[in-house]
Amino acid sequence: MKISIVIPAFNEEKLIPATLDAVKSAAQAFVRKGWDWEICVCDNNSTDNTKSIAEAAGARTVFEPINQISRARNTGASIATGDWLIFVDADSRPTEGLFADVIQEIESGRTLGGGVTVKMDVHAPVLRVLVHIWNSTSRLRRWAAGSFVYCSNQAFRDLGGFSTRLFATEEIEFSQRLKKLAKQRGKRVYILHRHPLETSARKLTLYTKTEYAQFLLGFILRPFRTLESRSSCRVWYDGRR
């Protein structure tokens, strides 16, 4: 068995070192099982030292010139040689316990893929409520958070990867298609929850309430046009770090 950890990265020199360190530490769960593993980093048109940092850490790298999260994940997966894929965002830190939970699901033979509940690296009452709402929704609807998606490589290929029409919520759309495929094959999509993924809350300080309100208004009024527009999803794409 081989696991490929795919990390999409756009100008992530500040945070990707900690992510790579966390991934390598967490991968000891695979080592103990005698499984092979690799890190595949997609440099999504970075202008900083993201690529060199990834290569220095021993990751395989590939370049994607079009800034889009779904394309970066798909391009990263294109060089992956693992039987299973784990997509981890460059500002997130998985643990050995979380990877052990993935192993358990793979070995069960029942699961085609899924995600994990999340926790933020800052503690604020409002944020805690929002995260709780998301985690509850994620487990109920079996929607994977984009910061951590796992699935068999074959299932990913069969589904054609993440939708390149979307500039946001592509992980939810992928989860919906993964659930249909899992049902067809007599398997399930499962959201892990024993070891939540810690991820960065930096967007809360990098963007204003007005900017979030503008996005939400656009989404309410024109959901599909908003999600299919890079400029409308600038919270993810304007490059603030």
C-alpha atoms as a PDB file:
ATOM      1  CA  MET A   1       0.000   0.000   0.000  1.00  0.00           C
ATOM      2  CA  LYS A   2       1.211   3.493  -0.837  1.00  0.00           C
ATOM      3  CA  ILE A   3      -0.225   6.841   0.274  1.00  0.00           C
ATOM      4  CA  SER A   4       0.270  10.112  -1.580  1.00  0.00           C
ATOM      5  CA  ILE A   5      -0.157  13.330   0.407  1.00  0.00           C
ATOM      6  CA  VAL A   6      -1.003  16.094  -2.078  1.00  0.00           C
ATOM      7  CA  ILE A   7      -0.474  19.704  -1.019  1.00  0.00           C
ATOM      8  CA  PRO A   8      -1.659  22.593  -3.264  1.00  0.00           C
ATOM      9  CA  ALA A   9       0.380  25.724  -2.547  1.00  0.00           C
ATOM     10  CA  PHE A  10       0.274  29.321  -3.759  1.00  0.00           C
ATOM     11  CA  ASN A  11       2.841  31.638  -2.137  1.00  0.00           C
ATOM     12  CA  GLU A  12       2.906  29.593   1.061  1.00  0.00           C
ATOM     13  CA  GLU A  13       6.527  30.081   2.159  1.00  0.00           C
ATOM     14  CA  LYS A  14       5.374  31.304   5.585  1.00  0.00           C
ATOM     15  CA  LEU A  15       3.234  28.318   6.520  1.00  0.00           C
ATOM     16  CA  ILE A  16       4.203  25.369   4.349  1.00  0.00           C
ATOM     17  CA  PRO A  17       7.347  24.511   6.378  1.00  0.00           C
ATOM     18  CA  ALA A  18       5.198  23.726   9.437  1.00  0.00           C
ATOM     19  CA  THR A  19       2.762  21.760   7.271  1.00  0.00           C
ATOM     20  CA  LEU A  20       5.541  19.681   5.728  1.00  0.00           C
ATOM     21  CA  ASP A  21       7.037  18.995   9.159  1.00  0.00           C
ATOM     22  CA  ALA A  22       3.628  17.948  10.471  1.00  0.00           C
ATOM     23  CA  VAL A  23       2.973  15.684   7.488  1.00  0.00           C
ATOM     24  CA  LYS A  24       6.351  13.952   7.826  1.00  0.00           C
ATOM     25  CA  SER A  25       5.766  13.398  11.526  1.00  0.00           C
ATOM     26  CA  ALA A  26       2.219  12.151  10.983  1.00  0.00           C
ATOM     27  CA  ALA A  27       3.418   9.780   8.243  1.00  0.00           C
ATOM     28  CA  GLN A  28       5.080   7.666  10.904  1.00  0.00           C
ATOM     29  CA  ALA A  29       1.667   6.016  11.122  1.00  0.00           C
ATOM     30  CA  PHE A  30       2.254   4.666   7.606  1.00  0.00           C
ATOM     31  CA  VAL A  31       5.845   3.696   8.363  1.00  0.00           C
ATOM     32  CA  ARG A  32       4.698   1.579  11.295  1.00  0.00           C
ATOM     33  CA  LYS A  33       2.298  -0.260   8.995  1.00  0.00           C
ATOM     34  CA  GLY A  34       5.053  -0.875   6.477  1.00  0.00           C
ATOM     35  CA  TRP A  35       3.274   1.303   3.915  1.00  0.00           C
ATOM     36  CA  ASP A  36       5.072   3.547   1.441  1.00  0.00           C
ATOM     37  CA  TRP A  37       4.230   7.233   1.291  1.00  0.00           C
ATOM     38  CA  GLU A  38       5.168  10.385  -0.596  1.00  0.00           C
ATOM     39  CA  ILE A  39       4.491  14.119  -0.517  1.00  0.00           C
ATOM     40  CA  CYS A  40       3.433  15.788  -3.777  1.00  0.00           C
ATOM     41  CA  VAL A  41       3.372  19.600  -3.722  1.00  0.00           C
ATOM     42  CA  CYS A  42       1.721  21.548  -6.518  1.00  0.00           C
ATOM     43  CA  ASP A  43       3.316  24.965  -6.915  1.00  0.00           C
ATOM     44  CA  ASN A  44       0.311  26.957  -8.095  1.00  0.00           C
ATOM     45  CA  ASN A  45       2.216  29.768  -9.844  1.00  0.00           C
ATOM     46  CA  SER A  46       3.977  30.977  -6.694  1.00  0.00           C
ATOM     47  CA  THR A  47       6.304  33.958  -6.779  1.00  0.00           C
ATOM     48  CA  ASP A  48       8.003  33.165  -3.473  1.00  0.00           C
ATOM     49  CA  ASN A  49      10.124  30.249  -2.217  1.00  0.00           C
ATOM     50  CA  THR A  50       7.299  27.728  -1.914  1.00  0.00           C
ATOM     51  CA  LYS A  51       8.765  25.321  -4.478  1.00  0.00           C
ATOM     52  CA  SER A  52      12.319  25.349  -3.128  1.00  0.00           C
ATOM     53  CA  ILE A  53      11.077  24.839   0.441  1.00  0.00           C
ATOM     54  CA  ALA A  54       9.008  21.843  -0.668  1.00  0.00           C
ATOM     55  CA  GLU A  55      11.882  20.305  -2.606  1.00  0.00           C
ATOM     56  CA  ALA A  56      14.291  20.827   0.295  1.00  0.00           C
ATOM     57  CA  ALA A  57      11.843  18.901   2.470  1.00  0.00           C
ATOM     58  CA  GLY A  58      11.955  15.956   0.054  1.00  0.00           C
ATOM     59  CA  ALA A  59       8.618  16.536  -1.653  1.00  0.00           C
ATOM     60  CA  ARG A  60       7.979  15.861  -5.307  1.00  0.00           C
ATOM     61  CA  THR A  61       6.824  19.078  -6.996  1.00  0.00           C
ATOM     62  CA  VAL A  62       4.818  19.967 -10.054  1.00  0.00           C
ATOM     63  CA  PHE A  63       3.879  23.364 -11.508  1.00  0.00           C
ATOM     64  CA  GLU A  64       0.351  24.569 -12.254  1.00  0.00           C
ATOM     65  CA  PRO A  65       0.256  27.995 -13.964  1.00  0.00           C
ATOM     66  CA  ILE A  66      -3.459  28.720 -13.496  1.00  0.00           C
ATOM     67  CA  ASN A  67      -4.337  29.930 -10.002  1.00  0.00           C
ATOM     68  CA  GLN A  68      -7.236  27.753  -8.958  1.00  0.00           C
ATOM     69  CA  ILE A  69      -7.479  25.463  -5.962  1.00  0.00           C
ATOM     70  CA  SER A  70      -9.189  22.652  -7.847  1.00  0.00           C
ATOM     71  CA  ARG A  71      -6.602  22.748 -10.646  1.00  0.00           C
ATOM     72  CA  ALA A  72      -3.755  22.755  -8.119  1.00  0.00           C
ATOM     73  CA  ARG A  73      -5.166  19.681  -6.401  1.00  0.00           C
ATOM     74  CA  ASN A  74      -5.747  17.909  -9.698  1.00  0.00           C
ATOM     75  CA  THR A  75      -2.265  18.729 -10.966  1.00  0.00           C
ATOM     76  CA  GLY A  76      -0.722  17.576  -7.701  1.00  0.00           C
ATOM     77  CA  ALA A  77      -2.661  14.325  -7.964  1.00  0.00           C
ATOM     78  CA  SER A  78      -1.419  13.848 -11.543  1.00  0.00           C
ATOM     79  CA  ILE A  79       2.077  12.989 -10.264  1.00  0.00           C
ATOM     80  CA  ALA A  80       0.867  10.932  -7.298  1.00  0.00           C
ATOM     81  CA  THR A  81       1.714   7.236  -7.406  1.00  0.00           C
ATOM     82  CA  GLY A  82      -0.143   6.160  -4.282  1.00  0.00           C
ATOM     83  CA  ASP A  83      -3.081   3.788  -4.021  1.00  0.00           C
ATOM     84  CA  TRP A  84      -4.796   6.415  -1.858  1.00  0.00           C
ATOM     85  CA  LEU A  85      -4.645  10.206  -1.936  1.00  0.00           C
ATOM     86  CA  ILE A  86      -4.789  12.604   0.993  1.00  0.00           C
ATOM     87  CA  PHE A  87      -5.199  16.261   0.061  1.00  0.00           C
ATOM     88  CA  VAL A  88      -3.901  18.600   2.769  1.00  0.00           C
ATOM     89  CA  ASP A  89      -3.885  22.388   2.503  1.00  0.00           C
ATOM     90  CA  ALA A  90      -0.549  24.160   2.927  1.00  0.00           C
ATOM     91  CA  ASP A  91      -1.731  25.938   6.086  1.00  0.00           C
ATOM     92  CA  SER A  92      -2.905  22.820   7.923  1.00  0.00           C
ATOM     93  CA  ARG A  93      -1.195  20.385  10.272  1.00  0.00           C
ATOM     94  CA  PRO A  94      -2.313  16.741  10.348  1.00  0.00           C
ATOM     95  CA  THR A  95      -1.313  14.470  13.219  1.00  0.00           C
ATOM     96  CA  GLU A  96      -0.185  10.874  13.441  1.00  0.00           C
ATOM     97  CA  GLY A  97      -3.500  10.049  15.083  1.00  0.00           C
ATOM     98  CA  LEU A  98      -5.406  11.436  12.102  1.00  0.00           C
ATOM     99  CA  PHE A  99      -3.345   9.420   9.619  1.00  0.00           C
ATOM    100  CA  ALA A 100      -3.895   6.338  11.794  1.00  0.00           C
ATOM    101  CA  ASP A 101      -7.635   6.958  11.471  1.00  0.00           C
ATOM    102  CA  VAL A 102      -7.256   7.062   7.680  1.00  0.00           C
ATOM    103  CA  ILE A 103      -5.421   3.727   7.830  1.00  0.00           C
ATOM    104  CA  GLN A 104      -8.298   2.242   9.801  1.00  0.00           C
ATOM    105  CA  GLU A 105     -10.815   3.334   7.171  1.00  0.00           C
ATOM    106  CA  ILE A 106      -8.698   1.995   4.318  1.00  0.00           C
ATOM    107  CA  GLU A 107      -8.217  -1.352   6.030  1.00  0.00           C
ATOM    108  CA  SER A 108     -11.922  -1.647   6.799  1.00  0.00           C
ATOM    109  CA  GLY A 109     -12.643  -1.992   3.093  1.00  0.00           C
ATOM    110  CA  ARG A 110     -15.917  -0.134   3.613  1.00  0.00           C
ATOM    111  CA  THR A 111     -14.814   3.403   2.834  1.00  0.00           C
ATOM    112  CA  LEU A 112     -14.157   5.071  -0.527  1.00  0.00           C
ATOM    113  CA  GLY A 113     -13.063   8.393   0.939  1.00  0.00           C
ATOM    114  CA  GLY A 114     -14.036  11.311   3.120  1.00  0.00           C
ATOM    115  CA  GLY A 115     -12.698  14.144   5.233  1.00  0.00           C
ATOM    116  CA  VAL A 116     -12.180  15.206   8.821  1.00  0.00           C
ATOM    117  CA  THR A 117     -13.583  17.723  11.269  1.00  0.00           C
ATOM    118  CA  VAL A 118     -11.429  20.801  11.816  1.00  0.00           C
ATOM    119  CA  LYS A 119     -10.213  23.111  14.529  1.00  0.00           C
ATOM    120  CA  MET A 120      -8.627  26.549  14.156  1.00  0.00           C
ATOM    121  CA  ASP A 121      -5.250  27.640  15.451  1.00  0.00           C
ATOM    122  CA  VAL A 122      -6.820  30.559  17.323  1.00  0.00           C
ATOM    123  CA  HIS A 123      -9.491  30.543  20.006  1.00  0.00           C
ATOM    124  CA  ALA A 124     -12.392  32.977  19.688  1.00  0.00           C
ATOM    125  CA  PRO A 125     -15.991  32.423  20.842  1.00  0.00           C
ATOM    126  CA  VAL A 126     -17.639  33.345  17.526  1.00  0.00           C
ATOM    127  CA  LEU A 127     -15.159  31.279  15.546  1.00  0.00           C
ATOM    128  CA  ARG A 128     -15.716  28.314  17.847  1.00  0.00           C
ATOM    129  CA  VAL A 129     -19.461  28.463  17.141  1.00  0.00           C
ATOM    130  CA  LEU A 130     -18.924  28.686  13.372  1.00  0.00           C
ATOM    131  CA  VAL A 131     -16.498  25.773  13.402  1.00  0.00           C
ATOM    132  CA  HIS A 132     -18.955  23.702  15.460  1.00  0.00           C
ATOM    133  CA  ILE A 133     -21.713  24.413  12.932  1.00  0.00           C
ATOM    134  CA  TRP A 134     -19.452  23.435  10.040  1.00  0.00           C
ATOM    135  CA  ASN A 135     -18.247  20.240  11.738  1.00  0.00           C
ATOM    136  CA  SER A 136     -21.801  19.178  12.532  1.00  0.00           C
ATOM    137  CA  THR A 137     -22.884  19.875   8.950  1.00  0.00           C
ATOM    138  CA  SER A 138     -19.832  18.104   7.574  1.00  0.00           C
ATOM    139  CA  ARG A 139     -20.549  14.910   9.498  1.00  0.00           C
ATOM    140  CA  LEU A 140     -24.286  15.024   8.777  1.00  0.00           C
ATOM    141  CA  ARG A 141     -23.978  15.712   5.048  1.00  0.00           C
ATOM    142  CA  ARG A 142     -20.658  13.874   4.651  1.00  0.00           C
ATOM    143  CA  TRP A 143     -19.005  16.938   3.135  1.00  0.00           C
ATOM    144  CA  ALA A 144     -15.228  17.002   3.352  1.00  0.00           C
ATOM    145  CA  ALA A 145     -13.559  20.265   4.314  1.00  0.00           C
ATOM    146  CA  GLY A 146     -11.157  21.325   1.562  1.00  0.00           C
ATOM    147  CA  SER A 147      -8.255  21.366   3.983  1.00  0.00           C
ATOM    148  CA  PHE A 148      -8.324  17.547   4.206  1.00  0.00           C
ATOM    149  CA  VAL A 149      -9.839  15.159   1.672  1.00  0.00           C
ATOM    150  CA  TYR A 150      -8.916  11.478   1.384  1.00  0.00           C
ATOM    151  CA  CYS A 151     -10.024   8.951  -1.222  1.00  0.00           C
ATOM    152  CA  SER A 152      -8.765   6.038  -3.262  1.00  0.00           C
ATOM    153  CA  ASN A 153      -6.707   7.093  -6.255  1.00  0.00           C
ATOM    154  CA  GLN A 154      -8.921   5.028  -8.534  1.00  0.00           C
ATOM    155  CA  ALA A 155     -12.073   6.738  -7.282  1.00  0.00           C
ATOM    156  CA  PHE A 156     -10.440  10.126  -7.821  1.00  0.00           C
ATOM    157  CA  ARG A 157      -9.569   9.189 -11.416  1.00  0.00           C
ATOM    158  CA  ASP A 158     -13.031   7.769 -12.050  1.00  0.00           C
ATOM    159  CA  LEU A 159     -14.608  11.023 -10.866  1.00  0.00           C
ATOM    160  CA  GLY A 160     -12.260  13.177 -12.940  1.00  0.00           C
ATOM    161  CA  GLY A 161     -10.916  15.018  -9.901  1.00  0.00           C
ATOM    162  CA  PHE A 162     -12.146  18.342  -8.568  1.00  0.00           C
ATOM    163  CA  SER A 163     -14.339  20.529 -10.760  1.00  0.00           C
ATOM    164  CA  THR A 164     -12.369  23.238 -12.568  1.00  0.00           C
ATOM    165  CA  ARG A 165     -15.567  25.227 -13.053  1.00  0.00           C
ATOM    166  CA  LEU A 166     -15.543  26.205  -9.385  1.00  0.00           C
ATOM    167  CA  PHE A 167     -13.211  28.615  -7.612  1.00  0.00           C
ATOM    168  CA  ALA A 168     -14.685  27.819  -4.180  1.00  0.00           C
ATOM    169  CA  THR A 169     -16.726  25.009  -2.558  1.00  0.00           C
ATOM    170  CA  GLU A 170     -15.153  22.543  -5.009  1.00  0.00           C
ATOM    171  CA  GLU A 171     -14.644  20.130  -2.109  1.00  0.00           C
ATOM    172  CA  ILE A 172     -18.394  20.027  -1.416  1.00  0.00           C
ATOM    173  CA  GLU A 173     -19.183  19.359  -5.068  1.00  0.00           C
ATOM    174  CA  PHE A 174     -16.526  16.623  -5.079  1.00  0.00           C
ATOM    175  CA  SER A 175     -17.997  15.127  -1.896  1.00  0.00           C
ATOM    176  CA  GLN A 176     -21.421  14.948  -3.517  1.00  0.00           C
ATOM    177  CA  ARG A 177     -20.061  13.030  -6.499  1.00  0.00           C
ATOM    178  CA  LEU A 178     -17.946  10.817  -4.247  1.00  0.00           C
ATOM    179  CA  LYS A 179     -21.041   9.878  -2.222  1.00  0.00           C
ATOM    180  CA  LYS A 180     -22.880   8.815  -5.377  1.00  0.00           C
ATOM    181  CA  LEU A 181     -19.940   6.721  -6.523  1.00  0.00           C
ATOM    182  CA  ALA A 182     -19.585   5.151  -3.073  1.00  0.00           C
ATOM    183  CA  LYS A 183     -23.268   4.181  -3.058  1.00  0.00           C
ATOM    184  CA  GLN A 184     -22.914   2.573  -6.485  1.00  0.00           C
ATOM    185  CA  ARG A 185     -19.981   0.513  -5.229  1.00  0.00           C
ATOM    186  CA  GLY A 186     -21.500  -0.484  -1.922  1.00  0.00           C
ATOM    187  CA  LYS A 187     -19.129   1.676   0.098  1.00  0.00           C
ATOM    188  CA  ARG A 188     -19.376   4.837   2.181  1.00  0.00           C
ATOM    189  CA  VAL A 189     -17.962   8.335   2.562  1.00  0.00           C
ATOM    190  CA  TYR A 190     -16.852   8.917   6.132  1.00  0.00           C
ATOM    191  CA  ILE A 191     -15.895  12.098   8.007  1.00  0.00           C
ATOM    192  CA  LEU A 192     -13.234  11.360  10.618  1.00  0.00           C
ATOM    193  CA  HIS A 193     -13.616  13.160  13.947  1.00  0.00           C
ATOM    194  CA  ARG A 194     -11.412  11.625  16.646  1.00  0.00           C
ATOM    195  CA  HIS A 195      -8.406  13.749  15.677  1.00  0.00           C
ATOM    196  CA  PRO A 196      -9.581  17.052  14.134  1.00  0.00           C
ATOM    197  CA  LEU A 197      -7.276  18.797  11.679  1.00  0.00           C
ATOM    198  CA  GLU A 198      -5.728  22.031  12.908  1.00  0.00           C
ATOM    199  CA  THR A 199      -5.829  24.679  10.207  1.00  0.00           C
ATOM    200  CA  SER A 200      -4.991  28.369   9.964  1.00  0.00           C
ATOM    201  CA  ALA A 201      -7.522  31.080  10.750  1.00  0.00           C
ATOM    202  CA  ARG A 202      -5.403  33.719   8.996  1.00  0.00           C
ATOM    203  CA  LYS A 203      -8.213  34.752   6.633  1.00  0.00           C
ATOM    204  CA  LEU A 204     -10.046  36.235   9.609  1.00  0.00           C
ATOM    205  CA  THR A 205      -7.345  38.876  10.007  1.00  0.00           C
ATOM    206  CA  LEU A 206      -6.380  39.238   6.343  1.00  0.00           C
ATOM    207  CA  TYR A 207      -9.896  40.120   5.170  1.00  0.00           C
ATOM    208  CA  THR A 208     -12.491  42.534   6.492  1.00  0.00           C
ATOM    209  CA  LYS A 209     -16.111  41.883   7.408  1.00  0.00           C
ATOM    210  CA  THR A 210     -17.095  44.040   4.435  1.00  0.00           C
ATOM    211  CA  GLU A 211     -15.182  41.804   2.038  1.00  0.00           C
ATOM    212  CA  TYR A 212     -16.836  38.704   3.450  1.00  0.00           C
ATOM    213  CA  ALA A 213     -20.234  40.396   3.273  1.00  0.00           C
ATOM    214  CA  GLN A 214     -19.674  41.234  -0.391  1.00  0.00           C
ATOM    215  CA  PHE A 215     -18.875  37.613  -1.168  1.00  0.00           C
ATOM    216  CA  LEU A 216     -21.880  36.304   0.788  1.00  0.00           C
ATOM    217  CA  LEU A 217     -24.220  38.778  -0.905  1.00  0.00           C
ATOM    218  CA  GLY A 218     -22.957  37.738  -4.321  1.00  0.00           C
ATOM    219  CA  PHE A 219     -23.342  34.089  -3.380  1.00  0.00           C
ATOM    220  CA  ILE A 220     -26.923  34.618  -2.196  1.00  0.00           C
ATOM    221  CA  LEU A 221     -27.930  36.589  -5.281  1.00  0.00           C
ATOM    222  CA  ARG A 222     -25.946  34.658  -7.903  1.00  0.00           C
ATOM    223  CA  PRO A 223     -24.529  31.499  -6.337  1.00  0.00           C
ATOM    224  CA  PHE A 224     -23.259  29.752  -9.468  1.00  0.00           C
ATOM    225  CA  ARG A 225     -21.868  32.869 -11.141  1.00  0.00           C
ATOM    226  CA  THR A 226     -20.102  33.784  -7.905  1.00  0.00           C
ATOM    227  CA  LEU A 227     -18.503  30.378  -7.353  1.00  0.00           C
ATOM    228  CA  GLU A 228     -17.419  30.172 -10.990  1.00  0.00           C
ATOM    229  CA  SER A 229     -15.670  33.562 -10.894  1.00  0.00           C
ATOM    230  CA  ARG A 230     -12.134  34.018  -9.587  1.00  0.00           C
ATOM    231  CA  SER A 231     -12.682  37.734  -8.998  1.00  0.00           C
ATOM    232  CA  SER A 232     -15.807  37.063  -6.925  1.00  0.00           C
ATOM    233  CA  CYS A 233     -13.850  34.563  -4.807  1.00  0.00           C
ATOM    234  CA  ARG A 234     -10.959  36.923  -4.121  1.00  0.00           C
ATOM    235  CA  VAL A 235     -10.781  35.838  -0.472  1.00  0.00           C
ATOM    236  CA  TRP A 236      -9.090  32.728  -1.861  1.00  0.00           C
ATOM    237  CA  TYR A 237      -7.249  34.248  -4.809  1.00  0.00           C
ATOM    238  CA  ASP A 238      -5.996  37.784  -4.284  1.00  0.00           C
ATOM    239  CA  GLY A 239      -2.716  36.494  -2.837  1.00  0.00           C
ATOM    240  CA  ARG A 240      -2.772  38.033   0.627  1.00  0.00           C
ATOM    241  CA  ARG A 241      -0.531  36.107   2.986  1.00  0.00           C
END
